[in-house]
Amino acid sequence: MFKINHYTNSFISVEGDNSIIICDPWVGKTNDNGWYSYPIKNISDIKIKKFKTNFIYISHLHCDHLDFKTLKNIVNSNTIFIIKKFENNILKKRIHQFCTNKVIELDSFKKLKLIKIFL
């Protein structure tokens, strides 16, 4: 059984039996208040600190998909990042500037069984 929650924009969580993956977590404002998450929320509205996520998927570098203000409320030492493998490695480098967590890079259209990683 899966439970899917949609929070704002691309920010969703998918809960399975033993794990949770969060995708593109972002709430609040970005780009000098030029963009707002929709519906308009802030971190306290979503209670991000309740997430005990195993995995975070970041789709790309835009600040409404990779937001370190939101991530600092979610990431713990066991959180594994999953990203697309880009030739320039900038996304992976930015994540490693933020934390030392494991980052798994996936080639386009490749599958990954998360349960094998988690156990």
PDB file of N, CA and C in Angstrom:
ATOM      1  N   MET A   1       0.848  -1.170   0.000  1.00  0.00           N
ATOM      2  CA  MET A   1       0.000   0.000   0.000  1.00  0.00           C
ATOM      3  C   MET A   1       0.896   1.236   0.000  1.00  0.00           C
ATOM      4  N   PHE A   2       0.584   2.171  -0.868  1.00  0.00           N
ATOM      5  CA  PHE A   2       1.314   3.421  -0.943  1.00  0.00           C
ATOM      6  C   PHE A   2       0.407   4.570  -0.541  1.00  0.00           C
ATOM      7  N   LYS A   3       1.019   5.577   0.060  1.00  0.00           N
ATOM      8  CA  LYS A   3       0.311   6.807   0.386  1.00  0.00           C
ATOM      9  C   LYS A   3       1.081   7.942  -0.278  1.00  0.00           C
ATOM     10  N   ILE A   4       0.386   8.714  -1.107  1.00  0.00           N
ATOM     11  CA  ILE A   4       1.019   9.828  -1.811  1.00  0.00           C
ATOM     12  C   ILE A   4       0.426  11.123  -1.293  1.00  0.00           C
ATOM     13  N   ASN A   5       1.288  12.049  -0.929  1.00  0.00           N
ATOM     14  CA  ASN A   5       0.867  13.377  -0.488  1.00  0.00           C
ATOM     15  C   ASN A   5       1.444  14.417  -1.427  1.00  0.00           C
ATOM     16  N   HIS A   6       0.608  15.351  -1.854  1.00  0.00           N
ATOM     17  CA  HIS A   6       1.067  16.483  -2.656  1.00  0.00           C
ATOM     18  C   HIS A   6       1.034  17.712  -1.760  1.00  0.00           C
ATOM     19  N   TYR A   7       2.156  18.403  -1.652  1.00  0.00           N
ATOM     20  CA  TYR A   7       2.251  19.555  -0.761  1.00  0.00           C
ATOM     21  C   TYR A   7       2.177  20.858  -1.540  1.00  0.00           C
ATOM     22  N   THR A   8       3.182  21.108  -2.369  1.00  0.00           N
ATOM     23  CA  THR A   8       3.211  22.316  -3.181  1.00  0.00           C
ATOM     24  C   THR A   8       3.952  22.004  -4.474  1.00  0.00           C
ATOM     25  N   ASN A   9       3.643  22.704  -5.522  1.00  0.00           N
ATOM     26  CA  ASN A   9       4.354  22.594  -6.796  1.00  0.00           C
ATOM     27  C   ASN A   9       4.725  21.137  -7.088  1.00  0.00           C
ATOM     28  N   SER A  10       6.012  20.823  -7.123  1.00  0.00           N
ATOM     29  CA  SER A  10       6.478  19.461  -7.393  1.00  0.00           C
ATOM     30  C   SER A  10       6.749  18.677  -6.117  1.00  0.00           C
ATOM     31  N   PHE A  11       6.542  19.259  -4.977  1.00  0.00           N
ATOM     32  CA  PHE A  11       6.856  18.654  -3.684  1.00  0.00           C
ATOM     33  C   PHE A  11       5.796  17.611  -3.324  1.00  0.00           C
ATOM     34  N   ILE A  12       6.224  16.330  -3.400  1.00  0.00           N
ATOM     35  CA  ILE A  12       5.347  15.229  -3.010  1.00  0.00           C
ATOM     36  C   ILE A  12       6.122  14.270  -2.126  1.00  0.00           C
ATOM     37  N   SER A  13       5.388  13.426  -1.409  1.00  0.00           N
ATOM     38  CA  SER A  13       5.998  12.310  -0.706  1.00  0.00           C
ATOM     39  C   SER A  13       5.230  11.052  -1.072  1.00  0.00           C
ATOM     40  N   VAL A  14       5.965   9.951  -1.149  1.00  0.00           N
ATOM     41  CA  VAL A  14       5.374   8.640  -1.408  1.00  0.00           C
ATOM     42  C   VAL A  14       5.831   7.734  -0.272  1.00  0.00           C
ATOM     43  N   GLU A  15       4.856   7.228   0.472  1.00  0.00           N
ATOM     44  CA  GLU A  15       5.148   6.353   1.605  1.00  0.00           C
ATOM     45  C   GLU A  15       4.801   4.924   1.238  1.00  0.00           C
ATOM     46  N   GLY A  16       5.749   4.034   1.462  1.00  0.00           N
ATOM     47  CA  GLY A  16       5.529   2.607   1.281  1.00  0.00           C
ATOM     48  C   GLY A  16       5.516   1.942   2.644  1.00  0.00           C
ATOM     49  N   ASP A  17       5.651   0.636   2.656  1.00  0.00           N
ATOM     50  CA  ASP A  17       5.610  -0.093   3.917  1.00  0.00           C
ATOM     51  C   ASP A  17       6.752   0.282   4.857  1.00  0.00           C
ATOM     52  N   ASN A  18       7.948   0.418   4.312  1.00  0.00           N
ATOM     53  CA  ASN A  18       9.114   0.649   5.160  1.00  0.00           C
ATOM     54  C   ASN A  18       9.913   1.884   4.824  1.00  0.00           C
ATOM     55  N   SER A  19       9.445   2.694   3.897  1.00  0.00           N
ATOM     56  CA  SER A  19      10.249   3.853   3.523  1.00  0.00           C
ATOM     57  C   SER A  19       9.387   4.966   2.953  1.00  0.00           C
ATOM     58  N   ILE A  20       9.981   6.134   2.919  1.00  0.00           N
ATOM     59  CA  ILE A  20       9.347   7.325   2.377  1.00  0.00           C
ATOM     60  C   ILE A  20      10.339   7.983   1.426  1.00  0.00           C
ATOM     61  N   ILE A  21       9.861   8.363   0.253  1.00  0.00           N
ATOM     62  CA  ILE A  21      10.672   9.162  -0.666  1.00  0.00           C
ATOM     63  C   ILE A  21       9.977  10.508  -0.834  1.00  0.00           C
ATOM     64  N   ILE A  22      10.758  11.550  -0.722  1.00  0.00           N
ATOM     65  CA  ILE A  22      10.263  12.909  -0.922  1.00  0.00           C
ATOM     66  C   ILE A  22      10.869  13.424  -2.213  1.00  0.00           C
ATOM     67  N   CYS A  23      10.048  14.082  -3.017  1.00  0.00           N
ATOM     68  CA  CYS A  23      10.500  14.595  -4.310  1.00  0.00           C
ATOM     69  C   CYS A  23      10.427  16.116  -4.328  1.00  0.00           C
ATOM     70  N   ASP A  24      11.511  16.737  -4.716  1.00  0.00           N
ATOM     71  CA  ASP A  24      11.612  18.186  -4.905  1.00  0.00           C
ATOM     72  C   ASP A  24      11.000  19.005  -3.764  1.00  0.00           C
ATOM     73  N   PRO A  25      11.489  18.807  -2.544  1.00  0.00           N
ATOM     74  CA  PRO A  25      10.903  19.537  -1.414  1.00  0.00           C
ATOM     75  C   PRO A  25      11.207  21.032  -1.457  1.00  0.00           C
ATOM     76  N   TRP A  26      10.151  21.821  -1.456  1.00  0.00           N
ATOM     77  CA  TRP A  26      10.290  23.278  -1.431  1.00  0.00           C
ATOM     78  C   TRP A  26       8.989  23.887  -0.948  1.00  0.00           C
ATOM     79  N   VAL A  27       9.099  24.728   0.036  1.00  0.00           N
ATOM     80  CA  VAL A  27       7.971  25.538   0.495  1.00  0.00           C
ATOM     81  C   VAL A  27       8.477  26.942   0.774  1.00  0.00           C
ATOM     82  N   GLY A  28       7.624  27.910   0.558  1.00  0.00           N
ATOM     83  CA  GLY A  28       7.992  29.282   0.880  1.00  0.00           C
ATOM     84  C   GLY A  28       8.229  30.138  -0.335  1.00  0.00           C
ATOM     85  N   LYS A  29       9.259  30.968  -0.233  1.00  0.00           N
ATOM     86  CA  LYS A  29       9.585  31.941  -1.273  1.00  0.00           C
ATOM     87  C   LYS A  29      10.985  31.648  -1.796  1.00  0.00           C
ATOM     88  N   THR A  30      11.220  32.076  -3.016  1.00  0.00           N
ATOM     89  CA  THR A  30      12.550  31.938  -3.592  1.00  0.00           C
ATOM     90  C   THR A  30      12.778  33.057  -4.601  1.00  0.00           C
ATOM     91  N   ASN A  31      13.973  33.132  -5.138  1.00  0.00           N
ATOM     92  CA  ASN A  31      14.322  34.161  -6.131  1.00  0.00           C
ATOM     93  C   ASN A  31      13.899  35.550  -5.689  1.00  0.00           C
ATOM     94  N   ASP A  32      14.384  35.965  -4.542  1.00  0.00           N
ATOM     95  CA  ASP A  32      14.061  37.303  -4.019  1.00  0.00           C
ATOM     96  C   ASP A  32      12.560  37.549  -4.000  1.00  0.00           C
ATOM     97  N   ASN A  33      11.826  36.550  -3.528  1.00  0.00           N
ATOM     98  CA  ASN A  33      10.363  36.592  -3.411  1.00  0.00           C
ATOM     99  C   ASN A  33       9.656  36.648  -4.763  1.00  0.00           C
ATOM    100  N   GLY A  34      10.347  36.280  -5.824  1.00  0.00           N
ATOM    101  CA  GLY A  34       9.736  36.259  -7.145  1.00  0.00           C
ATOM    102  C   GLY A  34       8.848  35.048  -7.364  1.00  0.00           C
ATOM    103  N   TRP A  35       9.115  33.960  -6.621  1.00  0.00           N
ATOM    104  CA  TRP A  35       8.320  32.737  -6.745  1.00  0.00           C
ATOM    105  C   TRP A  35       7.822  32.349  -5.368  1.00  0.00           C
ATOM    106  N   TYR A  36       6.614  31.881  -5.314  1.00  0.00           N
ATOM    107  CA  TYR A  36       6.028  31.358  -4.078  1.00  0.00           C
ATOM    108  C   TYR A  36       5.553  29.942  -4.344  1.00  0.00           C
ATOM    109  N   SER A  37       5.728  29.066  -3.361  1.00  0.00           N
ATOM    110  CA  SER A  37       5.165  27.734  -3.518  1.00  0.00           C
ATOM    111  C   SER A  37       3.646  27.846  -3.527  1.00  0.00           C
ATOM    112  N   TYR A  38       3.006  26.997  -4.316  1.00  0.00           N
ATOM    113  CA  TYR A  38       1.552  27.061  -4.416  1.00  0.00           C
ATOM    114  C   TYR A  38       0.957  25.710  -4.080  1.00  0.00           C
ATOM    115  N   PRO A  39      -0.038  25.620  -3.254  1.00  0.00           N
ATOM    116  CA  PRO A  39      -0.609  26.781  -2.573  1.00  0.00           C
ATOM    117  C   PRO A  39       0.414  27.395  -1.627  1.00  0.00           C
ATOM    118  N   ILE A  40       0.234  28.667  -1.318  1.00  0.00           N
ATOM    119  CA  ILE A  40       1.212  29.372  -0.491  1.00  0.00           C
ATOM    120  C   ILE A  40       1.282  28.696   0.871  1.00  0.00           C
ATOM    121  N   LYS A  41       2.456  28.237   1.188  1.00  0.00           N
ATOM    122  CA  LYS A  41       2.711  27.527   2.444  1.00  0.00           C
ATOM    123  C   LYS A  41       4.042  28.002   2.985  1.00  0.00           C
ATOM    124  N   ASN A  42       4.271  27.681   4.232  1.00  0.00           N
ATOM    125  CA  ASN A  42       5.610  27.838   4.774  1.00  0.00           C
ATOM    126  C   ASN A  42       5.958  26.559   5.505  1.00  0.00           C
ATOM    127  N   ILE A  43       7.167  26.454   5.952  1.00  0.00           N
ATOM    128  CA  ILE A  43       7.641  25.205   6.538  1.00  0.00           C
ATOM    129  C   ILE A  43       6.779  24.771   7.718  1.00  0.00           C
ATOM    130  N   SER A  44       6.367  25.694   8.539  1.00  0.00           N
ATOM    131  CA  SER A  44       5.555  25.305   9.695  1.00  0.00           C
ATOM    132  C   SER A  44       4.176  24.793   9.282  1.00  0.00           C
ATOM    133  N   ASP A  45       3.649  25.243   8.134  1.00  0.00           N
ATOM    134  CA  ASP A  45       2.355  24.748   7.652  1.00  0.00           C
ATOM    135  C   ASP A  45       2.396  23.263   7.336  1.00  0.00           C
ATOM    136  N   ILE A  46       3.509  22.803   6.818  1.00  0.00           N
ATOM    137  CA  ILE A  46       3.611  21.422   6.365  1.00  0.00           C
ATOM    138  C   ILE A  46       4.200  20.525   7.445  1.00  0.00           C
ATOM    139  N   LYS A  47       4.771  21.118   8.466  1.00  0.00           N
ATOM    140  CA  LYS A  47       5.363  20.357   9.559  1.00  0.00           C
ATOM    141  C   LYS A  47       6.421  19.378   9.034  1.00  0.00           C
ATOM    142  N   ILE A  48       7.340  19.920   8.265  1.00  0.00           N
ATOM    143  CA  ILE A  48       8.385  19.123   7.633  1.00  0.00           C
ATOM    144  C   ILE A  48       9.179  18.314   8.650  1.00  0.00           C
ATOM    145  N   LYS A  49       9.347  18.844   9.832  1.00  0.00           N
ATOM    146  CA  LYS A  49      10.178  18.137  10.813  1.00  0.00           C
ATOM    147  C   LYS A  49       9.603  16.776  11.179  1.00  0.00           C
ATOM    148  N   LYS A  50       8.357  16.513  10.848  1.00  0.00           N
ATOM    149  CA  LYS A  50       7.761  15.207  11.112  1.00  0.00           C
ATOM    150  C   LYS A  50       8.217  14.155  10.111  1.00  0.00           C
ATOM    151  N   PHE A  51       8.766  14.571   8.964  1.00  0.00           N
ATOM    152  CA  PHE A  51       9.200  13.611   7.971  1.00  0.00           C
ATOM    153  C   PHE A  51      10.367  12.793   8.488  1.00  0.00           C
ATOM    154  N   LYS A  52      10.253  11.509   8.351  1.00  0.00           N
ATOM    155  CA  LYS A  52      11.370  10.618   8.639  1.00  0.00           C
ATOM    156  C   LYS A  52      11.702   9.916   7.325  1.00  0.00           C
ATOM    157  N   THR A  53      12.154  10.697   6.375  1.00  0.00           N
ATOM    158  CA  THR A  53      12.360  10.190   5.025  1.00  0.00           C
ATOM    159  C   THR A  53      13.643   9.391   4.902  1.00  0.00           C
ATOM    160  N   ASN A  54      13.603   8.397   4.051  1.00  0.00           N
ATOM    161  CA  ASN A  54      14.780   7.603   3.742  1.00  0.00           C
ATOM    162  C   ASN A  54      15.484   8.133   2.499  1.00  0.00           C
ATOM    163  N   PHE A  55      14.670   8.694   1.577  1.00  0.00           N
ATOM    164  CA  PHE A  55      15.184   9.112   0.282  1.00  0.00           C
ATOM    165  C   PHE A  55      14.622  10.477  -0.100  1.00  0.00           C
ATOM    166  N   ILE A  56      15.451  11.257  -0.779  1.00  0.00           N
ATOM    167  CA  ILE A  56      15.000  12.522  -1.354  1.00  0.00           C
ATOM    168  C   ILE A  56      15.417  12.525  -2.815  1.00  0.00           C
ATOM    169  N   TYR A  57      14.435  12.718  -3.686  1.00  0.00           N
ATOM    170  CA  TYR A  57      14.702  12.835  -5.112  1.00  0.00           C
ATOM    171  C   TYR A  57      14.694  14.309  -5.482  1.00  0.00           C
ATOM    172  N   ILE A  58      15.759  14.760  -6.121  1.00  0.00           N
ATOM    173  CA  ILE A  58      15.854  16.129  -6.629  1.00  0.00           C
ATOM    174  C   ILE A  58      15.937  16.032  -8.145  1.00  0.00           C
ATOM    175  N   SER A  59      14.973  16.647  -8.835  1.00  0.00           N
ATOM    176  CA  SER A  59      14.908  16.495 -10.286  1.00  0.00           C
ATOM    177  C   SER A  59      15.916  17.368 -11.032  1.00  0.00           C
ATOM    178  N   HIS A  60      16.145  18.591 -10.539  1.00  0.00           N
ATOM    179  CA  HIS A  60      17.081  19.478 -11.223  1.00  0.00           C
ATOM    180  C   HIS A  60      17.408  20.675 -10.329  1.00  0.00           C
ATOM    181  N   LEU A  61      18.250  21.550 -10.843  1.00  0.00           N
ATOM    182  CA  LEU A  61      18.851  22.625 -10.045  1.00  0.00           C
ATOM    183  C   LEU A  61      17.967  23.821  -9.738  1.00  0.00           C
ATOM    184  N   HIS A  62      16.857  23.997 -10.363  1.00  0.00           N
ATOM    185  CA  HIS A  62      16.059  25.194 -10.099  1.00  0.00           C
ATOM    186  C   HIS A  62      15.740  25.305  -8.612  1.00  0.00           C
ATOM    187  N   CYS A  63      15.709  26.537  -8.123  1.00  0.00           N
ATOM    188  CA  CYS A  63      15.555  26.768  -6.687  1.00  0.00           C
ATOM    189  C   CYS A  63      14.205  26.352  -6.138  1.00  0.00           C
ATOM    190  N   ASP A  64      13.232  26.063  -6.996  1.00  0.00           N
ATOM    191  CA  ASP A  64      11.961  25.533  -6.504  1.00  0.00           C
ATOM    192  C   ASP A  64      11.949  24.007  -6.516  1.00  0.00           C
ATOM    193  N   HIS A  65      13.103  23.404  -6.767  1.00  0.00           N
ATOM    194  CA  HIS A  65      13.260  21.950  -6.710  1.00  0.00           C
ATOM    195  C   HIS A  65      14.404  21.559  -5.775  1.00  0.00           C
ATOM    196  N   LEU A  66      15.419  22.381  -5.712  1.00  0.00           N
ATOM    197  CA  LEU A  66      16.550  22.175  -4.807  1.00  0.00           C
ATOM    198  C   LEU A  66      16.610  23.393  -3.889  1.00  0.00           C
ATOM    199  N   ASP A  67      15.990  23.265  -2.720  1.00  0.00           N
ATOM    200  CA  ASP A  67      15.896  24.384  -1.788  1.00  0.00           C
ATOM    201  C   ASP A  67      16.527  23.969  -0.462  1.00  0.00           C
ATOM    202  N   PHE A  68      17.674  24.523  -0.163  1.00  0.00           N
ATOM    203  CA  PHE A  68      18.401  24.124   1.031  1.00  0.00           C
ATOM    204  C   PHE A  68      17.706  24.554   2.320  1.00  0.00           C
ATOM    205  N   LYS A  69      16.908  25.627   2.279  1.00  0.00           N
ATOM    206  CA  LYS A  69      16.156  26.029   3.482  1.00  0.00           C
ATOM    207  C   LYS A  69      15.149  24.952   3.868  1.00  0.00           C
ATOM    208  N   THR A  70      14.504  24.377   2.891  1.00  0.00           N
ATOM    209  CA  THR A  70      13.563  23.295   3.174  1.00  0.00           C
ATOM    210  C   THR A  70      14.315  22.018   3.530  1.00  0.00           C
ATOM    211  N   LEU A  71      15.356  21.709   2.788  1.00  0.00           N
ATOM    212  CA  LEU A  71      16.108  20.477   3.030  1.00  0.00           C
ATOM    213  C   LEU A  71      16.692  20.400   4.430  1.00  0.00           C
ATOM    214  N   LYS A  72      17.119  21.534   4.976  1.00  0.00           N
ATOM    215  CA  LYS A  72      17.744  21.485   6.310  1.00  0.00           C
ATOM    216  C   LYS A  72      16.756  20.995   7.371  1.00  0.00           C
ATOM    217  N   ASN A  73      15.458  21.069   7.094  1.00  0.00           N
ATOM    218  CA  ASN A  73      14.446  20.591   8.019  1.00  0.00           C
ATOM    219  C   ASN A  73      14.067  19.132   7.789  1.00  0.00           C
ATOM    220  N   ILE A  74      14.607  18.533   6.746  1.00  0.00           N
ATOM    221  CA  ILE A  74      14.237  17.167   6.379  1.00  0.00           C
ATOM    222  C   ILE A  74      15.400  16.193   6.513  1.00  0.00           C
ATOM    223  N   VAL A  75      16.570  16.600   6.049  1.00  0.00           N
ATOM    224  CA  VAL A  75      17.707  15.695   5.911  1.00  0.00           C
ATOM    225  C   VAL A  75      18.256  15.278   7.267  1.00  0.00           C
ATOM    226  N   ASN A  76      18.532  13.986   7.392  1.00  0.00           N
ATOM    227  CA  ASN A  76      19.280  13.480   8.538  1.00  0.00           C
ATOM    228  C   ASN A  76      20.476  12.701   7.988  1.00  0.00           C
ATOM    229  N   SER A  77      21.288  12.162   8.839  1.00  0.00           N
ATOM    230  CA  SER A  77      22.529  11.523   8.381  1.00  0.00           C
ATOM    231  C   SER A  77      22.283  10.261   7.558  1.00  0.00           C
ATOM    232  N   ASN A  78      21.095   9.679   7.645  1.00  0.00           N
ATOM    233  CA  ASN A  78      20.789   8.458   6.899  1.00  0.00           C
ATOM    234  C   ASN A  78      20.045   8.705   5.588  1.00  0.00           C
ATOM    235  N   THR A  79      19.670   9.934   5.330  1.00  0.00           N
ATOM    236  CA  THR A  79      18.919  10.250   4.120  1.00  0.00           C
ATOM    237  C   THR A  79      19.799  10.056   2.890  1.00  0.00           C
ATOM    238  N   ILE A  80      19.263   9.388   1.887  1.00  0.00           N
ATOM    239  CA  ILE A  80      19.968   9.158   0.632  1.00  0.00           C
ATOM    240  C   ILE A  80      19.329  10.028  -0.448  1.00  0.00           C
ATOM    241  N   PHE A  81      20.145  10.775  -1.172  1.00  0.00           N
ATOM    242  CA  PHE A  81      19.657  11.589  -2.278  1.00  0.00           C
ATOM    243  C   PHE A  81      19.690  10.764  -3.556  1.00  0.00           C
ATOM    244  N   ILE A  82      18.679  10.945  -4.380  1.00  0.00           N
ATOM    245  CA  ILE A  82      18.623  10.311  -5.690  1.00  0.00           C
ATOM    246  C   ILE A  82      18.456  11.435  -6.711  1.00  0.00           C
ATOM    247  N   ILE A  83      19.337  11.436  -7.705  1.00  0.00           N
ATOM    248  CA  ILE A  83      19.292  12.465  -8.735  1.00  0.00           C
ATOM    249  C   ILE A  83      19.525  11.818 -10.097  1.00  0.00           C
ATOM    250  N   LYS A  84      19.148  12.530 -11.143  1.00  0.00           N
ATOM    251  CA  LYS A  84      19.489  12.110 -12.495  1.00  0.00           C
ATOM    252  C   LYS A  84      20.986  12.350 -12.696  1.00  0.00           C
ATOM    253  N   LYS A  85      21.607  11.489 -13.447  1.00  0.00           N
ATOM    254  CA  LYS A  85      23.027  11.675 -13.742  1.00  0.00           C
ATOM    255  C   LYS A  85      23.175  12.711 -14.851  1.00  0.00           C
ATOM    256  N   PHE A  86      23.727  13.857 -14.489  1.00  0.00           N
ATOM    257  CA  PHE A  86      23.990  14.924 -15.446  1.00  0.00           C
ATOM    258  C   PHE A  86      25.477  14.928 -15.778  1.00  0.00           C
ATOM    259  N   GLU A  87      25.820  15.270 -17.002  1.00  0.00           N
ATOM    260  CA  GLU A  87      27.224  15.282 -17.416  1.00  0.00           C
ATOM    261  C   GLU A  87      28.061  16.271 -16.624  1.00  0.00           C
ATOM    262  N   ASN A  88      27.473  17.391 -16.216  1.00  0.00           N
ATOM    263  CA  ASN A  88      28.269  18.431 -15.566  1.00  0.00           C
ATOM    264  C   ASN A  88      28.419  18.245 -14.048  1.00  0.00           C
ATOM    265  N   ASN A  89      27.727  17.329 -13.433  1.00  0.00           N
ATOM    266  CA  ASN A  89      27.848  17.021 -11.992  1.00  0.00           C
ATOM    267  C   ASN A  89      27.524  18.181 -11.062  1.00  0.00           C
ATOM    268  N   ILE A  90      26.958  19.257 -11.561  1.00  0.00           N
ATOM    269  CA  ILE A  90      26.710  20.429 -10.714  1.00  0.00           C
ATOM    270  C   ILE A  90      25.700  20.107  -9.617  1.00  0.00           C
ATOM    271  N   LEU A  91      24.637  19.389  -9.945  1.00  0.00           N
ATOM    272  CA  LEU A  91      23.637  19.057  -8.933  1.00  0.00           C
ATOM    273  C   LEU A  91      24.258  18.237  -7.808  1.00  0.00           C
ATOM    274  N   LYS A  92      25.021  17.245  -8.149  1.00  0.00           N
ATOM    275  CA  LYS A  92      25.681  16.411  -7.138  1.00  0.00           C
ATOM    276  C   LYS A  92      26.650  17.251  -6.291  1.00  0.00           C
ATOM    277  N   LYS A  93      27.406  18.128  -6.922  1.00  0.00           N
ATOM    278  CA  LYS A  93      28.346  18.987  -6.194  1.00  0.00           C
ATOM    279  C   LYS A  93      27.616  19.906  -5.221  1.00  0.00           C
ATOM    280  N   ARG A  94      26.493  20.477  -5.643  1.00  0.00           N
ATOM    281  CA  ARG A  94      25.734  21.365  -4.751  1.00  0.00           C
ATOM    282  C   ARG A  94      25.190  20.605  -3.547  1.00  0.00           C
ATOM    283  N   ILE A  95      24.714  19.404  -3.769  1.00  0.00           N
ATOM    284  CA  ILE A  95      24.224  18.596  -2.647  1.00  0.00           C
ATOM    285  C   ILE A  95      25.361  18.298  -1.691  1.00  0.00           C
ATOM    286  N   HIS A  96      26.526  17.948  -2.218  1.00  0.00           N
ATOM    287  CA  HIS A  96      27.673  17.660  -1.350  1.00  0.00           C
ATOM    288  C   HIS A  96      28.228  18.903  -0.662  1.00  0.00           C
ATOM    289  N   GLN A  97      27.998  20.073  -1.198  1.00  0.00           N
ATOM    290  CA  GLN A  97      28.357  21.300  -0.485  1.00  0.00           C
ATOM    291  C   GLN A  97      27.431  21.511   0.708  1.00  0.00           C
ATOM    292  N   PHE A  98      26.210  21.023   0.583  1.00  0.00           N
ATOM    293  CA  PHE A  98      25.205  21.159   1.634  1.00  0.00           C
ATOM    294  C   PHE A  98      25.377  20.093   2.719  1.00  0.00           C
ATOM    295  N   CYS A  99      25.684  18.852   2.326  1.00  0.00           N
ATOM    296  CA  CYS A  99      25.804  17.764   3.297  1.00  0.00           C
ATOM    297  C   CYS A  99      26.698  16.666   2.719  1.00  0.00           C
ATOM    298  N   THR A 100      27.043  15.707   3.549  1.00  0.00           N
ATOM    299  CA  THR A 100      27.916  14.609   3.124  1.00  0.00           C
ATOM    300  C   THR A 100      27.136  13.324   2.857  1.00  0.00           C
ATOM    301  N   ASN A 101      25.836  13.407   2.755  1.00  0.00           N
ATOM    302  CA  ASN A 101      25.001  12.230   2.548  1.00  0.00           C
ATOM    303  C   ASN A 101      25.300  11.557   1.214  1.00  0.00           C
ATOM    304  N   LYS A 102      24.936  10.289   1.155  1.00  0.00           N
ATOM    305  CA  LYS A 102      25.104   9.518  -0.067  1.00  0.00           C
ATOM    306  C   LYS A 102      24.207  10.088  -1.163  1.00  0.00           C
ATOM    307  N   VAL A 103      24.752  10.157  -2.386  1.00  0.00           N
ATOM    308  CA  VAL A 103      24.004  10.607  -3.554  1.00  0.00           C
ATOM    309  C   VAL A 103      24.083   9.504  -4.603  1.00  0.00           C
ATOM    310  N   ILE A 104      22.926   9.036  -5.046  1.00  0.00           N
ATOM    311  CA  ILE A 104      22.859   8.037  -6.100  1.00  0.00           C
ATOM    312  C   ILE A 104      22.444   8.739  -7.381  1.00  0.00           C
ATOM    313  N   GLU A 105      23.254   8.562  -8.414  1.00  0.00           N
ATOM    314  CA  GLU A 105      22.952   9.158  -9.713  1.00  0.00           C
ATOM    315  C   GLU A 105      22.385   8.077 -10.635  1.00  0.00           C
ATOM    316  N   LEU A 106      21.259   8.396 -11.255  1.00  0.00           N
ATOM    317  CA  LEU A 106      20.612   7.453 -12.166  1.00  0.00           C
ATOM    318  C   LEU A 106      20.718   7.932 -13.603  1.00  0.00           C
ATOM    319  N   ASP A 107      21.030   7.013 -14.495  1.00  0.00           N
ATOM    320  CA  ASP A 107      20.963   7.318 -15.915  1.00  0.00           C
ATOM    321  C   ASP A 107      19.494   7.430 -16.316  1.00  0.00           C
ATOM    322  N   SER A 108      19.223   8.187 -17.349  1.00  0.00           N
ATOM    323  CA  SER A 108      17.854   8.346 -17.832  1.00  0.00           C
ATOM    324  C   SER A 108      17.227   6.989 -18.144  1.00  0.00           C
ATOM    325  N   PHE A 109      15.977   6.841 -17.753  1.00  0.00           N
ATOM    326  CA  PHE A 109      15.162   5.668 -18.017  1.00  0.00           C
ATOM    327  C   PHE A 109      15.666   4.395 -17.343  1.00  0.00           C
ATOM    328  N   LYS A 110      16.499   4.518 -16.333  1.00  0.00           N
ATOM    329  CA  LYS A 110      16.961   3.364 -15.562  1.00  0.00           C
ATOM    330  C   LYS A 110      16.107   3.214 -14.323  1.00  0.00           C
ATOM    331  N   LYS A 111      15.925   1.985 -13.877  1.00  0.00           N
ATOM    332  CA  LYS A 111      15.131   1.695 -12.685  1.00  0.00           C
ATOM    333  C   LYS A 111      16.055   1.439 -11.503  1.00  0.00           C
ATOM    334  N   LEU A 112      15.550   1.736 -10.326  1.00  0.00           N
ATOM    335  CA  LEU A 112      16.294   1.510  -9.091  1.00  0.00           C
ATOM    336  C   LEU A 112      15.326   0.941  -8.072  1.00  0.00           C
ATOM    337  N   LYS A 113      15.670  -0.196  -7.486  1.00  0.00           N
ATOM    338  CA  LYS A 113      14.843  -0.778  -6.435  1.00  0.00           C
ATOM    339  C   LYS A 113      15.328  -0.217  -5.109  1.00  0.00           C
ATOM    340  N   LEU A 114      14.528   0.679  -4.543  1.00  0.00           N
ATOM    341  CA  LEU A 114      14.927   1.366  -3.325  1.00  0.00           C
ATOM    342  C   LEU A 114      15.000   0.422  -2.141  1.00  0.00           C
ATOM    343  N   ILE A 115      14.189  -0.588  -2.103  1.00  0.00           N
ATOM    344  CA  ILE A 115      14.179  -1.496  -0.967  1.00  0.00           C
ATOM    345  C   ILE A 115      15.549  -2.167  -0.782  1.00  0.00           C
ATOM    346  N   LYS A 116      16.243  -2.468  -1.866  1.00  0.00           N
ATOM    347  CA  LYS A 116      17.570  -3.089  -1.768  1.00  0.00           C
ATOM    348  C   LYS A 116      18.565  -2.135  -1.108  1.00  0.00           C
ATOM    349  N   ILE A 117      18.427  -0.856  -1.399  1.00  0.00           N
ATOM    350  CA  ILE A 117      19.330   0.126  -0.811  1.00  0.00           C
ATOM    351  C   ILE A 117      19.026   0.313   0.655  1.00  0.00           C
ATOM    352  N   PHE A 118      17.755   0.319   0.977  1.00  0.00           N
ATOM    353  CA  PHE A 118      17.309   0.638   2.338  1.00  0.00           C
ATOM    354  C   PHE A 118      17.620  -0.470   3.331  1.00  0.00           C
ATOM    355  N   LEU A 119      17.538  -1.714   2.912  1.00  0.00           N
ATOM    356  CA  LEU A 119      17.735  -2.840   3.843  1.00  0.00           C
ATOM    357  C   LEU A 119      19.180  -3.095   4.151  1.00  0.00           C
TER     358      LEU A 119
END
